[in-house]
Amino acid sequence: MRRREVIALIGGAAVAWPGIVFAEVSARRPVVAVLAQRSSNILRRYVNAFAQGMQEFGLIEGRDYDVAIRSTDGDVTRVPKLLAELIALKPAVILTTDTALALAAKRATKEIPIVAC
């Protein structure tokens, strides 16, 4: 009996293991980081338009990707801190609302693509 139990346990683990590994790898969705000068409330309207465009390609926010929004609210001294927060999230891309923010992001990271809109 013991031998059969051990074989069953090993066989079950071998079958379950690939599913467990796959679930761990695919659990993290890509993050789209947004850094803007405008207030977060106003910016959300633009992010909603972005989400609608992504839906046209079959990508749904919260299912296929996440969005992290940071706003300076007009205080440029907050840029380094906000960029550090966004970079720590390891986003797939950083979207900025103007050239100055894009240049600051470019100085802060070489690994993450920066898009100025």
Protein backbone atom coordinates (compact mmCIF):
# COMPACT_ATOMS: atom_id res chain seq x y z
CA MET A 1 0.00 0.00 0.00
CA ARG A 2 2.76 2.43 0.85
CA ARG A 3 4.43 2.07 -2.52
CA ARG A 4 1.18 2.87 -4.36
CA GLU A 5 0.58 5.90 -2.17
CA VAL A 6 4.06 7.25 -2.89
CA ILE A 7 3.66 6.67 -6.64
CA ALA A 8 0.25 8.35 -6.60
CA LEU A 9 1.67 11.31 -4.68
CA ILE A 10 4.58 11.75 -7.09
CA GLY A 11 2.29 11.38 -10.11
CA GLY A 12 -0.17 13.91 -8.71
CA ALA A 13 2.61 16.37 -7.98
CA ALA A 14 4.01 15.99 -11.50
CA VAL A 15 0.61 16.71 -13.01
CA ALA A 16 -0.14 19.65 -10.71
CA TRP A 17 3.31 21.27 -10.82
CA PRO A 18 3.14 22.83 -14.33
CA GLY A 19 -0.22 24.42 -13.50
CA ILE A 20 1.15 25.88 -10.29
CA VAL A 21 4.21 27.31 -12.01
CA PHE A 22 2.13 28.74 -14.86
CA ALA A 23 -0.28 30.39 -12.43
CA GLU A 24 2.56 32.09 -10.56
CA VAL A 25 4.17 33.42 -13.73
CA SER A 26 0.99 34.75 -15.30
CA ALA A 27 -0.49 36.26 -12.13
CA ARG A 28 1.16 39.66 -12.62
CA ARG A 29 -0.45 41.92 -15.19
CA PRO A 30 1.58 44.55 -17.06
CA VAL A 31 1.38 48.02 -15.53
CA VAL A 32 0.90 51.20 -17.54
CA ALA A 33 2.31 54.03 -15.43
CA VAL A 34 0.97 57.54 -15.99
CA LEU A 35 2.72 60.67 -14.72
CA ALA A 36 0.99 64.00 -15.24
CA GLN A 37 0.96 67.62 -14.18
CA ARG A 38 -2.85 67.68 -14.06
CA SER A 39 -4.91 66.56 -11.10
CA SER A 40 -5.71 62.87 -10.88
CA ASN A 41 -9.45 63.55 -11.25
CA ILE A 42 -9.02 65.33 -14.59
CA LEU A 43 -6.42 62.82 -15.76
CA ARG A 44 -8.73 59.87 -15.10
CA ARG A 45 -10.93 61.05 -17.99
CA TYR A 46 -7.98 60.65 -20.38
CA VAL A 47 -7.07 57.27 -18.92
CA ASN A 48 -10.68 56.14 -19.45
CA ALA A 49 -10.37 57.13 -23.13
CA PHE A 50 -7.12 55.12 -23.28
CA ALA A 51 -8.92 52.13 -21.74
CA GLN A 52 -11.67 52.36 -24.36
CA GLY A 53 -9.06 52.32 -27.10
CA MET A 54 -7.40 49.28 -25.53
CA GLN A 55 -10.78 47.53 -25.43
CA GLU A 56 -10.95 47.85 -29.20
CA PHE A 57 -7.91 45.57 -29.23
CA GLY A 58 -9.54 43.19 -26.75
CA LEU A 59 -7.49 44.34 -23.74
CA ILE A 60 -9.40 45.12 -20.55
CA GLU A 61 -8.02 47.24 -17.68
CA GLY A 62 -7.90 45.16 -14.51
CA ARG A 63 -7.93 41.90 -16.45
CA ASP A 64 -5.11 42.28 -18.99
CA TYR A 65 -3.22 45.26 -17.57
CA ASP A 66 -3.28 47.72 -14.68
CA VAL A 67 -2.91 51.50 -14.66
CA ALA A 68 -0.96 53.41 -12.00
CA ILE A 69 -1.60 57.16 -12.04
CA ARG A 70 0.54 59.76 -10.29
CA SER A 71 0.00 63.51 -10.54
CA THR A 72 2.25 66.35 -9.49
CA ASP A 73 -0.84 68.55 -9.03
CA GLY A 74 1.28 71.40 -10.35
CA ASP A 75 4.14 70.88 -7.86
CA VAL A 76 7.22 69.98 -9.91
CA THR A 77 9.24 69.24 -6.76
CA ARG A 78 7.19 66.02 -6.44
CA VAL A 79 8.42 64.61 -9.77
CA PRO A 80 11.43 62.63 -8.45
CA LYS A 81 9.38 61.00 -5.69
CA LEU A 82 6.50 60.13 -8.01
CA LEU A 83 8.86 58.72 -10.63
CA ALA A 84 10.54 56.57 -7.98
CA GLU A 85 7.13 55.20 -6.96
CA LEU A 86 6.21 54.39 -10.55
CA ILE A 87 9.57 52.81 -11.39
CA ALA A 88 9.30 50.61 -8.29
CA LEU A 89 6.12 49.14 -9.82
CA LYS A 90 8.21 47.93 -12.80
CA PRO A 91 5.72 49.14 -15.39
CA ALA A 92 5.74 48.05 -19.03
CA VAL A 93 5.65 51.73 -20.07
CA ILE A 94 5.54 55.20 -18.52
CA LEU A 95 3.17 57.69 -20.15
CA THR A 96 3.78 61.37 -19.46
CA THR A 97 1.70 64.42 -20.33
CA ASP A 98 4.49 66.76 -21.35
CA THR A 99 8.09 66.97 -22.51
CA ALA A 100 9.56 68.03 -19.16
CA LEU A 101 8.10 64.95 -17.43
CA ALA A 102 9.26 62.71 -20.28
CA LEU A 103 12.81 64.02 -19.95
CA ALA A 104 12.73 63.53 -16.17
CA ALA A 105 11.52 59.96 -16.67
CA LYS A 106 14.22 59.34 -19.25
CA ARG A 107 16.86 60.48 -16.75
CA ALA A 108 15.34 58.26 -14.04
CA THR A 109 15.29 54.99 -16.00
CA LYS A 110 16.89 53.46 -19.05
CA GLU A 111 14.96 50.17 -18.89
CA ILE A 112 11.34 51.37 -19.15
CA PRO A 113 9.99 52.88 -22.38
CA ILE A 114 8.77 56.48 -22.00
CA VAL A 115 5.89 57.87 -24.08
CA ALA A 116 4.99 61.57 -24.03
CA CYS A 117 1.41 62.28 -25.04
